[in-house]
Amino acid sequence: LDAQADLLNVARDAMKEQLAALPGVEVFDSSANFLLFRVNDSESVTAKLVDGKVLVKNLGKMHGLLANCIRVTVSTPEENAVFLSTLTEALKS
């Protein structure tokens, strides 16, 4: 379990860096197996991610402090790459 946790921590940190490098994305620190990030229009971005078969949770309507926030689970390297690619495209359109 420790080895699996180490891999997850490395993947989370890498994903956080990649998210932070995207224009219009504000990513928050996390010690969990998910990341919370803010975009300009979480409704539109979430819809585009779901259309791309990437499941995320739009937290924008849960509380005012979470306006335009989306939560994504850190997963396998392949799934993380699909998420980042799909998000990059969603942010362009």
N, C-alpha and C. Protein backbone atom coordinates (compact mmCIF):
# COMPACT_ATOMS: atom_id res chain seq x y z
N LEU A 1 0.81 -1.21 0.00
CA LEU A 1 0.00 0.00 0.00
C LEU A 1 0.85 1.26 0.00
N ASP A 2 1.98 1.20 0.69
CA ASP A 2 2.87 2.37 0.72
C ASP A 2 3.40 2.69 -0.68
N ALA A 3 3.75 1.66 -1.43
CA ALA A 3 4.25 1.87 -2.79
C ALA A 3 3.17 2.46 -3.68
N GLN A 4 1.93 1.97 -3.52
CA GLN A 4 0.82 2.49 -4.29
C GLN A 4 0.54 3.96 -3.94
N ALA A 5 0.62 4.28 -2.66
CA ALA A 5 0.43 5.67 -2.22
C ALA A 5 1.52 6.57 -2.77
N ASP A 6 2.75 6.08 -2.81
CA ASP A 6 3.85 6.85 -3.37
C ASP A 6 3.61 7.16 -4.85
N LEU A 7 3.15 6.16 -5.59
CA LEU A 7 2.86 6.36 -7.02
C LEU A 7 1.74 7.38 -7.21
N LEU A 8 0.74 7.29 -6.37
CA LEU A 8 -0.38 8.24 -6.45
C LEU A 8 0.09 9.66 -6.14
N ASN A 9 0.94 9.81 -5.15
CA ASN A 9 1.45 11.13 -4.79
C ASN A 9 2.26 11.73 -5.93
N VAL A 10 3.08 10.92 -6.58
CA VAL A 10 3.88 11.40 -7.71
C VAL A 10 2.95 11.81 -8.86
N ALA A 11 1.94 10.97 -9.14
CA ALA A 11 1.00 11.27 -10.22
C ALA A 11 0.22 12.55 -9.91
N ARG A 12 -0.22 12.71 -8.66
CA ARG A 12 -0.98 13.90 -8.27
C ARG A 12 -0.13 15.16 -8.45
N ASP A 13 1.13 15.11 -8.00
CA ASP A 13 1.99 16.27 -8.11
C ASP A 13 2.26 16.63 -9.57
N ALA A 14 2.45 15.61 -10.41
CA ALA A 14 2.68 15.86 -11.84
C ALA A 14 1.44 16.46 -12.49
N MET A 15 0.29 15.91 -12.14
CA MET A 15 -0.96 16.41 -12.70
C MET A 15 -1.23 17.84 -12.25
N LYS A 16 -0.91 18.14 -11.01
CA LYS A 16 -1.09 19.51 -10.50
C LYS A 16 -0.24 20.49 -11.30
N GLU A 17 0.99 20.13 -11.56
CA GLU A 17 1.88 21.00 -12.35
C GLU A 17 1.33 21.20 -13.75
N GLN A 18 0.85 20.12 -14.36
CA GLN A 18 0.32 20.23 -15.72
C GLN A 18 -0.95 21.07 -15.75
N LEU A 19 -1.81 20.91 -14.77
CA LEU A 19 -3.02 21.73 -14.69
C LEU A 19 -2.67 23.20 -14.51
N ALA A 20 -1.74 23.48 -13.62
CA ALA A 20 -1.35 24.86 -13.33
C ALA A 20 -0.75 25.55 -14.55
N ALA A 21 -0.20 24.78 -15.46
CA ALA A 21 0.41 25.35 -16.66
C ALA A 21 -0.62 25.72 -17.73
N LEU A 22 -1.85 25.25 -17.57
CA LEU A 22 -2.88 25.56 -18.56
C LEU A 22 -3.43 26.97 -18.32
N PRO A 23 -3.63 27.73 -19.39
CA PRO A 23 -4.16 29.08 -19.23
C PRO A 23 -5.58 29.05 -18.69
N GLY A 24 -5.85 29.92 -17.73
CA GLY A 24 -7.18 30.03 -17.16
C GLY A 24 -7.53 28.99 -16.12
N VAL A 25 -6.54 28.23 -15.67
CA VAL A 25 -6.78 27.20 -14.66
C VAL A 25 -6.07 27.57 -13.37
N GLU A 26 -6.81 27.56 -12.28
CA GLU A 26 -6.24 27.75 -10.94
C GLU A 26 -6.41 26.43 -10.21
N VAL A 27 -5.30 25.82 -9.83
CA VAL A 27 -5.35 24.52 -9.15
C VAL A 27 -4.98 24.71 -7.68
N PHE A 28 -5.65 23.96 -6.83
CA PHE A 28 -5.44 24.09 -5.39
C PHE A 28 -4.62 22.92 -4.87
N ASP A 29 -3.88 23.16 -3.79
CA ASP A 29 -3.08 22.12 -3.17
C ASP A 29 -3.97 20.99 -2.67
N SER A 30 -3.43 19.78 -2.69
CA SER A 30 -4.18 18.63 -2.24
C SER A 30 -3.24 17.58 -1.67
N SER A 31 -3.71 16.89 -0.66
CA SER A 31 -2.99 15.73 -0.12
C SER A 31 -3.80 14.47 -0.34
N ALA A 32 -4.87 14.59 -1.10
CA ALA A 32 -5.78 13.48 -1.34
C ALA A 32 -5.54 12.89 -2.73
N ASN A 33 -6.42 11.97 -3.12
CA ASN A 33 -6.29 11.35 -4.43
C ASN A 33 -7.11 12.09 -5.49
N PHE A 34 -7.40 13.34 -5.25
CA PHE A 34 -8.09 14.16 -6.23
C PHE A 34 -7.53 15.57 -6.19
N LEU A 35 -7.82 16.32 -7.27
CA LEU A 35 -7.41 17.72 -7.36
C LEU A 35 -8.64 18.58 -7.60
N LEU A 36 -8.63 19.74 -7.01
CA LEU A 36 -9.67 20.74 -7.21
C LEU A 36 -9.05 21.87 -8.02
N PHE A 37 -9.76 22.27 -9.08
CA PHE A 37 -9.25 23.38 -9.89
C PHE A 37 -10.41 24.25 -10.33
N ARG A 38 -10.08 25.51 -10.62
CA ARG A 38 -11.08 26.50 -11.03
C ARG A 38 -10.81 26.92 -12.47
N VAL A 39 -11.89 27.05 -13.22
CA VAL A 39 -11.84 27.53 -14.61
C VAL A 39 -12.85 28.67 -14.74
N ASN A 40 -12.90 29.30 -15.88
CA ASN A 40 -13.82 30.42 -16.07
C ASN A 40 -15.28 29.99 -16.13
N ASP A 41 -15.56 28.82 -16.71
CA ASP A 41 -16.94 28.37 -16.88
C ASP A 41 -17.00 26.86 -16.62
N SER A 42 -17.20 26.50 -15.37
CA SER A 42 -17.17 25.08 -15.00
C SER A 42 -18.29 24.28 -15.65
N GLU A 43 -19.43 24.90 -15.90
CA GLU A 43 -20.54 24.18 -16.54
C GLU A 43 -20.14 23.73 -17.94
N SER A 44 -19.62 24.64 -18.72
CA SER A 44 -19.23 24.33 -20.10
C SER A 44 -18.07 23.34 -20.14
N VAL A 45 -17.08 23.56 -19.31
CA VAL A 45 -15.91 22.68 -19.30
C VAL A 45 -16.30 21.28 -18.85
N THR A 46 -17.14 21.18 -17.82
CA THR A 46 -17.59 19.87 -17.36
C THR A 46 -18.35 19.14 -18.47
N ALA A 47 -19.23 19.84 -19.16
CA ALA A 47 -20.00 19.22 -20.25
C ALA A 47 -19.07 18.70 -21.34
N LYS A 48 -18.05 19.46 -21.68
CA LYS A 48 -17.11 19.04 -22.72
C LYS A 48 -16.28 17.84 -22.25
N LEU A 49 -15.91 17.82 -20.98
CA LEU A 49 -15.18 16.67 -20.46
C LEU A 49 -16.05 15.42 -20.49
N VAL A 50 -17.30 15.54 -20.07
CA VAL A 50 -18.21 14.39 -20.08
C VAL A 50 -18.44 13.92 -21.52
N ASP A 51 -18.59 14.86 -22.46
CA ASP A 51 -18.72 14.49 -23.87
C ASP A 51 -17.51 13.70 -24.35
N GLY A 52 -16.33 14.01 -23.78
CA GLY A 52 -15.10 13.30 -24.11
C GLY A 52 -14.91 12.05 -23.28
N LYS A 53 -15.96 11.65 -22.56
CA LYS A 53 -15.95 10.43 -21.73
C LYS A 53 -15.01 10.53 -20.54
N VAL A 54 -14.81 11.75 -20.04
CA VAL A 54 -14.01 11.99 -18.84
C VAL A 54 -14.97 12.45 -17.74
N LEU A 55 -15.03 11.68 -16.67
CA LEU A 55 -15.95 12.01 -15.58
C LEU A 55 -15.24 12.85 -14.52
N VAL A 56 -15.84 13.96 -14.20
CA VAL A 56 -15.35 14.86 -13.17
C VAL A 56 -16.57 15.30 -12.36
N LYS A 57 -16.33 16.01 -11.28
CA LYS A 57 -17.44 16.53 -10.48
C LYS A 57 -17.39 18.05 -10.49
N ASN A 58 -18.46 18.66 -10.98
CA ASN A 58 -18.57 20.11 -10.99
C ASN A 58 -19.07 20.53 -9.61
N LEU A 59 -18.24 21.23 -8.86
CA LEU A 59 -18.59 21.66 -7.51
C LEU A 59 -19.09 23.10 -7.47
N GLY A 60 -19.21 23.72 -8.62
CA GLY A 60 -19.53 25.14 -8.72
C GLY A 60 -20.80 25.58 -8.03
N LYS A 61 -21.78 24.69 -7.91
CA LYS A 61 -23.06 25.08 -7.32
C LYS A 61 -23.18 24.65 -5.85
N MET A 62 -22.16 24.05 -5.31
CA MET A 62 -22.24 23.54 -3.94
C MET A 62 -22.08 24.64 -2.89
N HIS A 63 -21.25 25.63 -3.20
CA HIS A 63 -20.98 26.71 -2.25
C HIS A 63 -20.34 27.85 -3.02
N GLY A 64 -20.58 29.06 -2.59
CA GLY A 64 -20.02 30.21 -3.26
C GLY A 64 -18.50 30.19 -3.38
N LEU A 65 -17.84 29.63 -2.38
CA LEU A 65 -16.38 29.55 -2.43
C LEU A 65 -15.87 28.58 -3.50
N LEU A 66 -16.77 27.71 -3.97
CA LEU A 66 -16.39 26.72 -4.98
C LEU A 66 -16.85 27.12 -6.38
N ALA A 67 -17.19 28.39 -6.56
CA ALA A 67 -17.66 28.85 -7.87
C ALA A 67 -16.67 28.46 -8.96
N ASN A 68 -17.19 27.83 -10.01
CA ASN A 68 -16.42 27.40 -11.18
C ASN A 68 -15.32 26.38 -10.85
N CYS A 69 -15.49 25.64 -9.78
CA CYS A 69 -14.51 24.61 -9.41
C CYS A 69 -14.94 23.23 -9.88
N ILE A 70 -13.96 22.46 -10.28
CA ILE A 70 -14.15 21.08 -10.74
C ILE A 70 -13.19 20.20 -9.96
N ARG A 71 -13.68 19.00 -9.60
CA ARG A 71 -12.82 18.04 -8.90
C ARG A 71 -12.58 16.85 -9.82
N VAL A 72 -11.33 16.43 -9.89
CA VAL A 72 -10.96 15.27 -10.70
C VAL A 72 -10.14 14.31 -9.84
N THR A 73 -10.40 13.03 -10.01
CA THR A 73 -9.66 12.00 -9.29
C THR A 73 -8.37 11.70 -10.03
N VAL A 74 -7.28 11.60 -9.31
CA VAL A 74 -5.99 11.19 -9.88
C VAL A 74 -6.07 9.69 -10.11
N SER A 75 -5.72 9.26 -11.30
CA SER A 75 -5.90 7.86 -11.67
C SER A 75 -4.62 7.29 -12.27
N THR A 76 -4.77 6.41 -13.23
CA THR A 76 -3.62 5.81 -13.89
C THR A 76 -2.95 6.84 -14.80
N PRO A 77 -1.71 6.65 -15.16
CA PRO A 77 -1.06 7.59 -16.07
C PRO A 77 -1.83 7.76 -17.38
N GLU A 78 -2.38 6.68 -17.90
CA GLU A 78 -3.13 6.76 -19.16
C GLU A 78 -4.41 7.59 -18.99
N GLU A 79 -5.14 7.34 -17.92
CA GLU A 79 -6.37 8.09 -17.68
C GLU A 79 -6.08 9.56 -17.38
N ASN A 80 -5.02 9.83 -16.65
CA ASN A 80 -4.64 11.21 -16.37
C ASN A 80 -4.28 11.94 -17.67
N ALA A 81 -3.60 11.25 -18.58
CA ALA A 81 -3.23 11.86 -19.86
C ALA A 81 -4.47 12.17 -20.69
N VAL A 82 -5.45 11.25 -20.70
CA VAL A 82 -6.69 11.49 -21.43
C VAL A 82 -7.41 12.70 -20.83
N PHE A 83 -7.48 12.76 -19.51
CA PHE A 83 -8.11 13.91 -18.85
C PHE A 83 -7.45 15.21 -19.26
N LEU A 84 -6.13 15.28 -19.16
CA LEU A 84 -5.42 16.53 -19.47
C LEU A 84 -5.58 16.92 -20.93
N SER A 85 -5.55 15.96 -21.81
CA SER A 85 -5.73 16.24 -23.23
C SER A 85 -7.14 16.76 -23.51
N THR A 86 -8.14 16.10 -22.93
CA THR A 86 -9.52 16.50 -23.13
C THR A 86 -9.78 17.88 -22.51
N LEU A 87 -9.22 18.12 -21.34
CA LEU A 87 -9.37 19.43 -20.69
C LEU A 87 -8.73 20.52 -21.54
N THR A 88 -7.55 20.27 -22.05
CA THR A 88 -6.87 21.26 -22.89
C THR A 88 -7.74 21.65 -24.07
N GLU A 89 -8.35 20.66 -24.71
CA GLU A 89 -9.24 20.94 -25.84
C GLU A 89 -10.49 21.68 -25.39
N ALA A 90 -11.04 21.30 -24.24
CA ALA A 90 -12.25 21.95 -23.74
C ALA A 90 -12.01 23.42 -23.43
N LEU A 91 -10.82 23.74 -22.96
CA LEU A 91 -10.50 25.12 -22.62
C LEU A 91 -10.30 25.99 -23.87
N LYS A 92 -9.95 25.36 -24.99
CA LYS A 92 -9.73 26.10 -26.24
C LYS A 92 -11.03 26.53 -26.89
N SER A 93 -12.07 25.75 -26.69
CA SER A 93 -13.33 26.04 -27.41
C SER A 93 -14.34 26.76 -26.56
